[in-house]
All heavy atoms as atom14 arrays in JSON, in Angstrom:
{
  "sequence": "AGVAFPALLLGLAACSNSEPDIPDTPVDVLYNDALDTLNGGNARQA",
  "atom14_mask": [
    [1, 1, 1, 1, 1, 0, 0, 0, 0, 0, 0, 0, 0, 0],
    [1, 1, 1, 1, 0, 0, 0, 0, 0, 0, 0, 0, 0, 0],
    [1, 1, 1, 1, 1, 1, 1, 0, 0, 0, 0, 0, 0, 0],
    [1, 1, 1, 1, 1, 0, 0, 0, 0, 0, 0, 0, 0, 0],
    [1, 1, 1, 1, 1, 1, 1, 1, 1, 1, 1, 0, 0, 0],
    [1, 1, 1, 1, 1, 1, 1, 0, 0, 0, 0, 0, 0, 0],
    [1, 1, 1, 1, 1, 0, 0, 0, 0, 0, 0, 0, 0, 0],
    [1, 1, 1, 1, 1, 1, 1, 1, 0, 0, 0, 0, 0, 0],
    [1, 1, 1, 1, 1, 1, 1, 1, 0, 0, 0, 0, 0, 0],
    [1, 1, 1, 1, 1, 1, 1, 1, 0, 0, 0, 0, 0, 0],
    [1, 1, 1, 1, 0, 0, 0, 0, 0, 0, 0, 0, 0, 0],
    [1, 1, 1, 1, 1, 1, 1, 1, 0, 0, 0, 0, 0, 0],
    [1, 1, 1, 1, 1, 0, 0, 0, 0, 0, 0, 0, 0, 0],
    [1, 1, 1, 1, 1, 0, 0, 0, 0, 0, 0, 0, 0, 0],
    [1, 1, 1, 1, 1, 1, 0, 0, 0, 0, 0, 0, 0, 0],
    [1, 1, 1, 1, 1, 1, 0, 0, 0, 0, 0, 0, 0, 0],
    [1, 1, 1, 1, 1, 1, 1, 1, 0, 0, 0, 0, 0, 0],
    [1, 1, 1, 1, 1, 1, 0, 0, 0, 0, 0, 0, 0, 0],
    [1, 1, 1, 1, 1, 1, 1, 1, 1, 0, 0, 0, 0, 0],
    [1, 1, 1, 1, 1, 1, 1, 0, 0, 0, 0, 0, 0, 0],
    [1, 1, 1, 1, 1, 1, 1, 1, 0, 0, 0, 0, 0, 0],
    [1, 1, 1, 1, 1, 1, 1, 1, 0, 0, 0, 0, 0, 0],
    [1, 1, 1, 1, 1, 1, 1, 0, 0, 0, 0, 0, 0, 0],
    [1, 1, 1, 1, 1, 1, 1, 1, 0, 0, 0, 0, 0, 0],
    [1, 1, 1, 1, 1, 1, 1, 0, 0, 0, 0, 0, 0, 0],
    [1, 1, 1, 1, 1, 1, 1, 0, 0, 0, 0, 0, 0, 0],
    [1, 1, 1, 1, 1, 1, 1, 0, 0, 0, 0, 0, 0, 0],
    [1, 1, 1, 1, 1, 1, 1, 1, 0, 0, 0, 0, 0, 0],
    [1, 1, 1, 1, 1, 1, 1, 0, 0, 0, 0, 0, 0, 0],
    [1, 1, 1, 1, 1, 1, 1, 1, 0, 0, 0, 0, 0, 0],
    [1, 1, 1, 1, 1, 1, 1, 1, 1, 1, 1, 1, 0, 0],
    [1, 1, 1, 1, 1, 1, 1, 1, 0, 0, 0, 0, 0, 0],
    [1, 1, 1, 1, 1, 1, 1, 1, 0, 0, 0, 0, 0, 0],
    [1, 1, 1, 1, 1, 0, 0, 0, 0, 0, 0, 0, 0, 0],
    [1, 1, 1, 1, 1, 1, 1, 1, 0, 0, 0, 0, 0, 0],
    [1, 1, 1, 1, 1, 1, 1, 1, 0, 0, 0, 0, 0, 0],
    [1, 1, 1, 1, 1, 1, 1, 0, 0, 0, 0, 0, 0, 0],
    [1, 1, 1, 1, 1, 1, 1, 1, 0, 0, 0, 0, 0, 0],
    [1, 1, 1, 1, 1, 1, 1, 1, 0, 0, 0, 0, 0, 0],
    [1, 1, 1, 1, 0, 0, 0, 0, 0, 0, 0, 0, 0, 0],
    [1, 1, 1, 1, 0, 0, 0, 0, 0, 0, 0, 0, 0, 0],
    [1, 1, 1, 1, 1, 1, 1, 1, 0, 0, 0, 0, 0, 0],
    [1, 1, 1, 1, 1, 0, 0, 0, 0, 0, 0, 0, 0, 0],
    [1, 1, 1, 1, 1, 1, 1, 1, 1, 1, 1, 0, 0, 0],
    [1, 1, 1, 1, 1, 1, 1, 1, 1, 0, 0, 0, 0, 0],
    [1, 1, 1, 1, 1, 0, 0, 0, 0, 0, 0, 0, 0, 0]
  ],
  "atom14_positions": [
    [[-27.69, 20.63, 8.14], [-27.81, 19.68, 7.04], [-27.12, 20.21, 5.79], [-26.52, 19.45, 5.03], [-29.28, 19.4, 6.75], [0.0, 0.0, 0.0], [0.0, 0.0, 0.0], [0.0, 0.0, 0.0], [0.0, 0.0, 0.0], [0.0, 0.0, 0.0], [0.0, 0.0, 0.0], [0.0, 0.0, 0.0], [0.0, 0.0, 0.0], [0.0, 0.0, 0.0]],
    [[-27.18, 21.51, 5.57], [-26.54, 22.1, 4.4], [-25.02, 22.08, 4.49], [-24.33, 22.09, 3.48], [0.0, 0.0, 0.0], [0.0, 0.0, 0.0], [0.0, 0.0, 0.0], [0.0, 0.0, 0.0], [0.0, 0.0, 0.0], [0.0, 0.0, 0.0], [0.0, 0.0, 0.0], [0.0, 0.0, 0.0], [0.0, 0.0, 0.0], [0.0, 0.0, 0.0]],
    [[-24.47, 22.02, 5.69], [-23.03, 22.0, 5.87], [-22.53, 20.57, 6.06], [-21.49, 20.18, 5.51], [-22.63, 22.86, 7.09], [-21.17, 22.7, 7.42], [-22.96, 24.31, 6.82], [0.0, 0.0, 0.0], [0.0, 0.0, 0.0], [0.0, 0.0, 0.0], [0.0, 0.0, 0.0], [0.0, 0.0, 0.0], [0.0, 0.0, 0.0], [0.0, 0.0, 0.0]],
    [[-23.26, 19.76, 6.79], [-22.8, 18.42, 7.13], [-22.81, 17.5, 5.91], [-21.88, 16.69, 5.74], [-23.67, 17.84, 8.23], [0.0, 0.0, 0.0], [0.0, 0.0, 0.0], [0.0, 0.0, 0.0], [0.0, 0.0, 0.0], [0.0, 0.0, 0.0], [0.0, 0.0, 0.0], [0.0, 0.0, 0.0], [0.0, 0.0, 0.0], [0.0, 0.0, 0.0]],
    [[-23.79, 17.58, 5.07], [-23.88, 16.67, 3.93], [-22.71, 16.87, 2.95], [-22.06, 15.89, 2.58], [-25.23, 16.83, 3.23], [-25.43, 15.84, 2.12], [-25.59, 14.5, 2.39], [-25.42, 16.25, 0.79], [-25.76, 13.57, 1.38], [-25.59, 15.35, -0.23], [-25.76, 14.0, 0.07], [0.0, 0.0, 0.0], [0.0, 0.0, 0.0], [0.0, 0.0, 0.0]],
    [[-22.4, 18.09, 2.53], [-21.22, 18.25, 1.66], [-19.92, 17.83, 2.35], [-19.03, 17.27, 1.7], [-21.2, 19.74, 1.33], [-22.6, 20.19, 1.53], [-23.14, 19.34, 2.64], [0.0, 0.0, 0.0], [0.0, 0.0, 0.0], [0.0, 0.0, 0.0], [0.0, 0.0, 0.0], [0.0, 0.0, 0.0], [0.0, 0.0, 0.0], [0.0, 0.0, 0.0]],
    [[-19.81, 18.08, 3.64], [-18.6, 17.66, 4.37], [-18.49, 16.15, 4.39], [-17.4, 15.59, 4.25], [-18.62, 18.22, 5.78], [0.0, 0.0, 0.0], [0.0, 0.0, 0.0], [0.0, 0.0, 0.0], [0.0, 0.0, 0.0], [0.0, 0.0, 0.0], [0.0, 0.0, 0.0], [0.0, 0.0, 0.0], [0.0, 0.0, 0.0], [0.0, 0.0, 0.0]],
    [[-19.61, 15.47, 4.54], [-19.62, 14.01, 4.52], [-19.2, 13.48, 3.15], [-18.39, 12.56, 3.05], [-21.01, 13.49, 4.88], [-21.18, 11.98, 4.84], [-20.34, 11.32, 5.91], [-22.65, 11.62, 5.02], [0.0, 0.0, 0.0], [0.0, 0.0, 0.0], [0.0, 0.0, 0.0], [0.0, 0.0, 0.0], [0.0, 0.0, 0.0], [0.0, 0.0, 0.0]],
    [[-19.71, 14.08, 2.1], [-19.33, 13.66, 0.75], [-17.85, 13.89, 0.49], [-17.17, 13.05, -0.11], [-20.16, 14.4, -0.29], [-21.63, 14.0, -0.4], [-22.33, 14.85, -1.44], [-21.78, 12.54, -0.72], [0.0, 0.0, 0.0], [0.0, 0.0, 0.0], [0.0, 0.0, 0.0], [0.0, 0.0, 0.0], [0.0, 0.0, 0.0], [0.0, 0.0, 0.0]],
    [[-17.34, 15.01, 0.95], [-15.92, 15.31, 0.78], [-15.07, 14.31, 1.55], [-14.04, 13.84, 1.06], [-15.62, 16.73, 1.25], [-14.18, 17.21, 1.08], [-13.81, 17.21, -0.4], [-14.02, 18.59, 1.66], [0.0, 0.0, 0.0], [0.0, 0.0, 0.0], [0.0, 0.0, 0.0], [0.0, 0.0, 0.0], [0.0, 0.0, 0.0], [0.0, 0.0, 0.0]],
    [[-15.49, 13.96, 2.75], [-14.76, 12.98, 3.55], [-14.74, 11.61, 2.91], [-13.73, 10.92, 2.91], [0.0, 0.0, 0.0], [0.0, 0.0, 0.0], [0.0, 0.0, 0.0], [0.0, 0.0, 0.0], [0.0, 0.0, 0.0], [0.0, 0.0, 0.0], [0.0, 0.0, 0.0], [0.0, 0.0, 0.0], [0.0, 0.0, 0.0], [0.0, 0.0, 0.0]],
    [[-15.86, 11.2, 2.33], [-15.91, 9.9, 1.66], [-15.06, 9.9, 0.4], [-14.42, 8.9, 0.07], [-17.35, 9.53, 1.32], [-18.24, 9.18, 2.51], [-19.68, 8.97, 2.06], [-17.71, 7.96, 3.23], [0.0, 0.0, 0.0], [0.0, 0.0, 0.0], [0.0, 0.0, 0.0], [0.0, 0.0, 0.0], [0.0, 0.0, 0.0], [0.0, 0.0, 0.0]],
    [[-15.02, 11.0, -0.31], [-14.2, 11.08, -1.52], [-12.72, 11.0, -1.17], [-11.93, 10.44, -1.92], [-14.5, 12.37, -2.27], [0.0, 0.0, 0.0], [0.0, 0.0, 0.0], [0.0, 0.0, 0.0], [0.0, 0.0, 0.0], [0.0, 0.0, 0.0], [0.0, 0.0, 0.0], [0.0, 0.0, 0.0], [0.0, 0.0, 0.0], [0.0, 0.0, 0.0]],
    [[-12.34, 11.54, -0.03], [-10.94, 11.51, 0.39], [-10.5, 10.1, 0.76], [-9.32, 9.79, 0.72], [-10.72, 12.45, 1.57], [0.0, 0.0, 0.0], [0.0, 0.0, 0.0], [0.0, 0.0, 0.0], [0.0, 0.0, 0.0], [0.0, 0.0, 0.0], [0.0, 0.0, 0.0], [0.0, 0.0, 0.0], [0.0, 0.0, 0.0], [0.0, 0.0, 0.0]],
    [[-11.44, 9.24, 1.11], [-11.11, 7.87, 1.51], [-10.94, 6.93, 0.33], [-10.57, 5.79, 0.5], [-12.19, 7.31, 2.43], [-12.25, 8.15, 4.01], [0.0, 0.0, 0.0], [0.0, 0.0, 0.0], [0.0, 0.0, 0.0], [0.0, 0.0, 0.0], [0.0, 0.0, 0.0], [0.0, 0.0, 0.0], [0.0, 0.0, 0.0], [0.0, 0.0, 0.0]],
    [[-11.22, 7.38, -0.86], [-11.12, 6.48, -2.0], [-9.67, 6.12, -2.26], [-8.76, 6.9, -2.03], [-11.73, 7.12, -3.25], [-10.93, 8.19, -3.67], [0.0, 0.0, 0.0], [0.0, 0.0, 0.0], [0.0, 0.0, 0.0], [0.0, 0.0, 0.0], [0.0, 0.0, 0.0], [0.0, 0.0, 0.0], [0.0, 0.0, 0.0], [0.0, 0.0, 0.0]],
    [[-9.46, 4.93, -2.73], [-8.11, 4.43, -2.97], [-7.84, 4.5, -4.46], [-8.48, 3.83, -5.25], [-8.0, 2.99, -2.47], [-6.6, 2.47, -2.54], [-5.68, 3.17, -2.93], [-6.42, 1.22, -2.16], [0.0, 0.0, 0.0], [0.0, 0.0, 0.0], [0.0, 0.0, 0.0], [0.0, 0.0, 0.0], [0.0, 0.0, 0.0], [0.0, 0.0, 0.0]],
    [[-6.86, 5.31, -4.85], [-6.56, 5.47, -6.26], [-5.57, 4.42, -6.75], [-5.35, 4.3, -7.94], [-6.02, 6.87, -6.54], [-4.84, 7.07, -5.81], [0.0, 0.0, 0.0], [0.0, 0.0, 0.0], [0.0, 0.0, 0.0], [0.0, 0.0, 0.0], [0.0, 0.0, 0.0], [0.0, 0.0, 0.0], [0.0, 0.0, 0.0], [0.0, 0.0, 0.0]],
    [[-4.95, 3.68, -5.84], [-4.0, 2.66, -6.24], [-4.75, 1.4, -6.67], [-5.75, 1.03, -6.07], [-3.07, 2.31, -5.08], [-2.16, 3.44, -4.65], [-1.25, 3.02, -3.51], [-1.04, 1.81, -3.33], [-0.78, 3.91, -2.82], [0.0, 0.0, 0.0], [0.0, 0.0, 0.0], [0.0, 0.0, 0.0], [0.0, 0.0, 0.0], [0.0, 0.0, 0.0]],
    [[-4.26, 0.73, -7.71], [-4.91, -0.51, -8.11], [-4.67, -1.59, -7.07], [-3.65, -1.59, -6.36], [-4.22, -0.85, -9.43], [-2.9, -0.18, -9.35], [-3.13, 1.06, -8.54], [0.0, 0.0, 0.0], [0.0, 0.0, 0.0], [0.0, 0.0, 0.0], [0.0, 0.0, 0.0], [0.0, 0.0, 0.0], [0.0, 0.0, 0.0], [0.0, 0.0, 0.0]],
    [[-5.6, -2.51, -6.96], [-5.44, -3.61, -6.02], [-4.43, -4.6, -6.57], [-4.65, -5.22, -7.61], [-6.79, -4.31, -5.78], [-7.73, -3.44, -4.96], [-7.22, -2.63, -4.17], [-8.94, -3.6, -5.11], [0.0, 0.0, 0.0], [0.0, 0.0, 0.0], [0.0, 0.0, 0.0], [0.0, 0.0, 0.0], [0.0, 0.0, 0.0], [0.0, 0.0, 0.0]],
    [[-3.32, -4.72, -5.88], [-2.27, -5.65, -6.27], [-2.38, -6.85, -5.35], [-2.4, -6.68, -4.13], [-0.88, -4.99, -6.16], [-0.8, -3.78, -7.07], [0.22, -6.0, -6.48], [0.43, -2.95, -6.89], [0.0, 0.0, 0.0], [0.0, 0.0, 0.0], [0.0, 0.0, 0.0], [0.0, 0.0, 0.0], [0.0, 0.0, 0.0], [0.0, 0.0, 0.0]],
    [[-2.47, -8.02, -5.91], [-2.58, -9.19, -5.04], [-1.33, -9.35, -4.18], [-0.21, -9.07, -4.62], [-2.74, -10.36, -6.0], [-2.3, -9.86, -7.32], [-2.45, -8.37, -7.31], [0.0, 0.0, 0.0], [0.0, 0.0, 0.0], [0.0, 0.0, 0.0], [0.0, 0.0, 0.0], [0.0, 0.0, 0.0], [0.0, 0.0, 0.0], [0.0, 0.0, 0.0]],
    [[-1.53, -9.75, -2.94], [-0.42, -9.93, -2.03], [0.45, -11.09, -2.47], [-0.04, -12.13, -2.9], [-0.92, -10.18, -0.61], [-1.51, -8.94, 0.02], [-1.23, -7.84, -0.46], [-2.26, -9.08, 1.01], [0.0, 0.0, 0.0], [0.0, 0.0, 0.0], [0.0, 0.0, 0.0], [0.0, 0.0, 0.0], [0.0, 0.0, 0.0], [0.0, 0.0, 0.0]],
    [[1.75, -10.9, -2.34], [2.71, -11.96, -2.63], [2.83, -12.82, -1.39], [2.79, -12.31, -0.27], [4.08, -11.33, -2.96], [3.9, -10.35, -3.99], [5.08, -12.36, -3.42], [0.0, 0.0, 0.0], [0.0, 0.0, 0.0], [0.0, 0.0, 0.0], [0.0, 0.0, 0.0], [0.0, 0.0, 0.0], [0.0, 0.0, 0.0], [0.0, 0.0, 0.0]],
    [[2.97, -14.13, -1.55], [3.13, -14.98, -0.36], [4.3, -14.52, 0.49], [5.34, -14.07, -0.01], [3.39, -16.37, -0.95], [2.79, -16.32, -2.31], [2.94, -14.91, -2.78], [0.0, 0.0, 0.0], [0.0, 0.0, 0.0], [0.0, 0.0, 0.0], [0.0, 0.0, 0.0], [0.0, 0.0, 0.0], [0.0, 0.0, 0.0], [0.0, 0.0, 0.0]],
    [[4.14, -14.63, 1.8], [5.1, -14.07, 2.74], [6.48, -14.71, 2.59], [7.5, -14.03, 2.68], [4.57, -14.17, 4.19], [4.47, -15.61, 4.66], [5.42, -13.35, 5.13], [0.0, 0.0, 0.0], [0.0, 0.0, 0.0], [0.0, 0.0, 0.0], [0.0, 0.0, 0.0], [0.0, 0.0, 0.0], [0.0, 0.0, 0.0], [0.0, 0.0, 0.0]],
    [[6.53, -16.01, 2.34], [7.83, -16.66, 2.23], [8.58, -16.21, 0.99], [9.81, -16.07, 1.0], [7.7, -18.18, 2.27], [6.78, -18.74, 1.21], [5.89, -18.0, 0.74], [6.95, -19.92, 0.84], [0.0, 0.0, 0.0], [0.0, 0.0, 0.0], [0.0, 0.0, 0.0], [0.0, 0.0, 0.0], [0.0, 0.0, 0.0], [0.0, 0.0, 0.0]],
    [[7.85, -15.93, -0.08], [8.48, -15.44, -1.31], [9.05, -14.04, -1.09], [10.2, -13.75, -1.47], [7.48, -15.45, -2.48], [8.06, -14.78, -3.71], [7.04, -16.88, -2.8], [0.0, 0.0, 0.0], [0.0, 0.0, 0.0], [0.0, 0.0, 0.0], [0.0, 0.0, 0.0], [0.0, 0.0, 0.0], [0.0, 0.0, 0.0], [0.0, 0.0, 0.0]],
    [[8.27, -13.18, -0.45], [8.74, -11.82, -0.16], [9.98, -11.83, 0.72], [10.96, -11.14, 0.45], [7.64, -11.02, 0.55], [6.56, -10.37, -0.29], [5.5, -9.77, 0.61], [7.14, -9.32, -1.18], [0.0, 0.0, 0.0], [0.0, 0.0, 0.0], [0.0, 0.0, 0.0], [0.0, 0.0, 0.0], [0.0, 0.0, 0.0], [0.0, 0.0, 0.0]],
    [[9.92, -12.61, 1.78], [11.03, -12.64, 2.74], [12.3, -13.18, 2.07], [13.38, -12.63, 2.23], [10.67, -13.48, 3.96], [11.73, -13.43, 5.02], [11.73, -12.43, 5.96], [12.74, -14.39, 5.06], [12.72, -12.36, 6.94], [13.73, -14.33, 6.03], [13.71, -13.32, 6.96], [14.71, -13.26, 7.92], [0.0, 0.0, 0.0], [0.0, 0.0, 0.0]],
    [[12.15, -14.26, 1.31], [13.32, -14.85, 0.65], [13.91, -13.92, -0.42], [15.13, -13.88, -0.6], [12.98, -16.22, 0.08], [12.82, -17.26, 1.17], [13.47, -17.2, 2.19], [11.91, -18.21, 0.95], [0.0, 0.0, 0.0], [0.0, 0.0, 0.0], [0.0, 0.0, 0.0], [0.0, 0.0, 0.0], [0.0, 0.0, 0.0], [0.0, 0.0, 0.0]],
    [[13.06, -13.19, -1.12], [13.56, -12.2, -2.08], [14.37, -11.12, -1.36], [15.43, -10.71, -1.84], [12.41, -11.55, -2.85], [11.81, -12.47, -3.9], [12.43, -13.51, -4.21], [10.71, -12.13, -4.41], [0.0, 0.0, 0.0], [0.0, 0.0, 0.0], [0.0, 0.0, 0.0], [0.0, 0.0, 0.0], [0.0, 0.0, 0.0], [0.0, 0.0, 0.0]],
    [[13.87, -10.67, -0.23], [14.59, -9.66, 0.54], [15.92, -10.2, 1.06], [16.94, -9.51, 1.0], [13.72, -9.19, 1.71], [0.0, 0.0, 0.0], [0.0, 0.0, 0.0], [0.0, 0.0, 0.0], [0.0, 0.0, 0.0], [0.0, 0.0, 0.0], [0.0, 0.0, 0.0], [0.0, 0.0, 0.0], [0.0, 0.0, 0.0], [0.0, 0.0, 0.0]],
    [[15.91, -11.44, 1.53], [17.13, -12.04, 2.04], [18.15, -12.25, 0.93], [19.35, -11.99, 1.11], [16.8, -13.37, 2.72], [17.87, -13.98, 3.6], [18.3, -13.02, 4.7], [17.39, -15.29, 4.19], [0.0, 0.0, 0.0], [0.0, 0.0, 0.0], [0.0, 0.0, 0.0], [0.0, 0.0, 0.0], [0.0, 0.0, 0.0], [0.0, 0.0, 0.0]],
    [[17.69, -12.68, -0.24], [18.59, -12.83, -1.39], [19.19, -11.48, -1.8], [20.36, -11.39, -2.16], [17.86, -13.45, -2.58], [17.51, -14.91, -2.35], [18.11, -15.54, -1.44], [16.62, -15.43, -3.07], [0.0, 0.0, 0.0], [0.0, 0.0, 0.0], [0.0, 0.0, 0.0], [0.0, 0.0, 0.0], [0.0, 0.0, 0.0], [0.0, 0.0, 0.0]],
    [[18.38, -10.44, -1.75], [18.85, -9.1, -2.09], [19.9, -8.64, -1.09], [20.93, -8.05, -1.47], [17.67, -8.1, -2.13], [16.7, -8.57, -3.06], [18.12, -6.72, -2.54], [0.0, 0.0, 0.0], [0.0, 0.0, 0.0], [0.0, 0.0, 0.0], [0.0, 0.0, 0.0], [0.0, 0.0, 0.0], [0.0, 0.0, 0.0], [0.0, 0.0, 0.0]],
    [[19.67, -8.91, 0.19], [20.65, -8.55, 1.22], [21.95, -9.32, 1.02], [23.04, -8.74, 1.08], [20.08, -8.82, 2.61], [20.99, -8.49, 3.79], [21.31, -7.0, 3.82], [20.33, -8.91, 5.09], [0.0, 0.0, 0.0], [0.0, 0.0, 0.0], [0.0, 0.0, 0.0], [0.0, 0.0, 0.0], [0.0, 0.0, 0.0], [0.0, 0.0, 0.0]],
    [[21.85, -10.62, 0.76], [23.04, -11.44, 0.53], [23.76, -11.03, -0.75], [24.97, -11.25, -0.87], [22.68, -12.91, 0.5], [22.28, -13.43, 1.87], [22.68, -12.88, 2.88], [21.46, -14.47, 1.89], [0.0, 0.0, 0.0], [0.0, 0.0, 0.0], [0.0, 0.0, 0.0], [0.0, 0.0, 0.0], [0.0, 0.0, 0.0], [0.0, 0.0, 0.0]],
    [[23.04, -10.44, -1.67], [23.64, -9.96, -2.91], [24.35, -8.62, -2.75], [24.96, -8.13, -3.69], [0.0, 0.0, 0.0], [0.0, 0.0, 0.0], [0.0, 0.0, 0.0], [0.0, 0.0, 0.0], [0.0, 0.0, 0.0], [0.0, 0.0, 0.0], [0.0, 0.0, 0.0], [0.0, 0.0, 0.0], [0.0, 0.0, 0.0], [0.0, 0.0, 0.0]],
    [[24.25, -8.01, -1.57], [24.98, -6.78, -1.31], [24.18, -5.5, -1.43], [24.72, -4.43, -1.24], [0.0, 0.0, 0.0], [0.0, 0.0, 0.0], [0.0, 0.0, 0.0], [0.0, 0.0, 0.0], [0.0, 0.0, 0.0], [0.0, 0.0, 0.0], [0.0, 0.0, 0.0], [0.0, 0.0, 0.0], [0.0, 0.0, 0.0], [0.0, 0.0, 0.0]],
    [[22.91, -5.59, -1.72], [22.09, -4.38, -1.86], [21.22, -4.23, -0.6], [20.04, -4.55, -0.59], [21.23, -4.47, -3.12], [20.57, -3.15, -3.46], [20.6, -2.21, -2.67], [19.97, -3.09, -4.63], [0.0, 0.0, 0.0], [0.0, 0.0, 0.0], [0.0, 0.0, 0.0], [0.0, 0.0, 0.0], [0.0, 0.0, 0.0], [0.0, 0.0, 0.0]],
    [[21.83, -3.71, 0.46], [21.15, -3.63, 1.76], [19.99, -2.64, 1.75], [18.96, -2.88, 2.39], [22.14, -3.26, 2.85], [0.0, 0.0, 0.0], [0.0, 0.0, 0.0], [0.0, 0.0, 0.0], [0.0, 0.0, 0.0], [0.0, 0.0, 0.0], [0.0, 0.0, 0.0], [0.0, 0.0, 0.0], [0.0, 0.0, 0.0], [0.0, 0.0, 0.0]],
    [[20.13, -1.52, 1.04], [19.06, -0.53, 1.02], [17.79, -1.09, 0.37], [16.69, -0.92, 0.88], [19.51, 0.74, 0.31], [18.51, 1.89, 0.46], [19.04, 3.19, -0.09], [20.28, 3.64, 0.52], [20.36, 4.3, 1.68], [19.27, 4.57, 2.35], [21.52, 4.7, 2.15], [0.0, 0.0, 0.0], [0.0, 0.0, 0.0], [0.0, 0.0, 0.0]],
    [[17.94, -1.78, -0.75], [16.79, -2.39, -1.42], [16.22, -3.52, -0.57], [15.01, -3.72, -0.5], [17.18, -2.9, -2.81], [16.04, -3.52, -3.59], [14.91, -2.54, -3.88], [15.12, -1.34, -3.99], [13.71, -3.06, -3.98], [0.0, 0.0, 0.0], [0.0, 0.0, 0.0], [0.0, 0.0, 0.0], [0.0, 0.0, 0.0], [0.0, 0.0, 0.0]],
    [[17.09, -4.27, 0.1], [16.63, -5.36, 0.96], [15.78, -4.82, 2.09], [14.76, -5.41, 2.45], [17.83, -6.12, 1.51], [0.0, 0.0, 0.0], [0.0, 0.0, 0.0], [0.0, 0.0, 0.0], [0.0, 0.0, 0.0], [0.0, 0.0, 0.0], [0.0, 0.0, 0.0], [0.0, 0.0, 0.0], [0.0, 0.0, 0.0], [0.0, 0.0, 0.0]]
  ]
}
């Protein structure tokens, strides 16, 4: 119990997400932006 409990707390702390929740962009908007970028000549960014 003395070893498992701190390990459990450490494991839960490692699972926390430090990135802010960004709302998902609609799939058609994302895809079309990528396609426009590719057609514009920037293949790496596309």
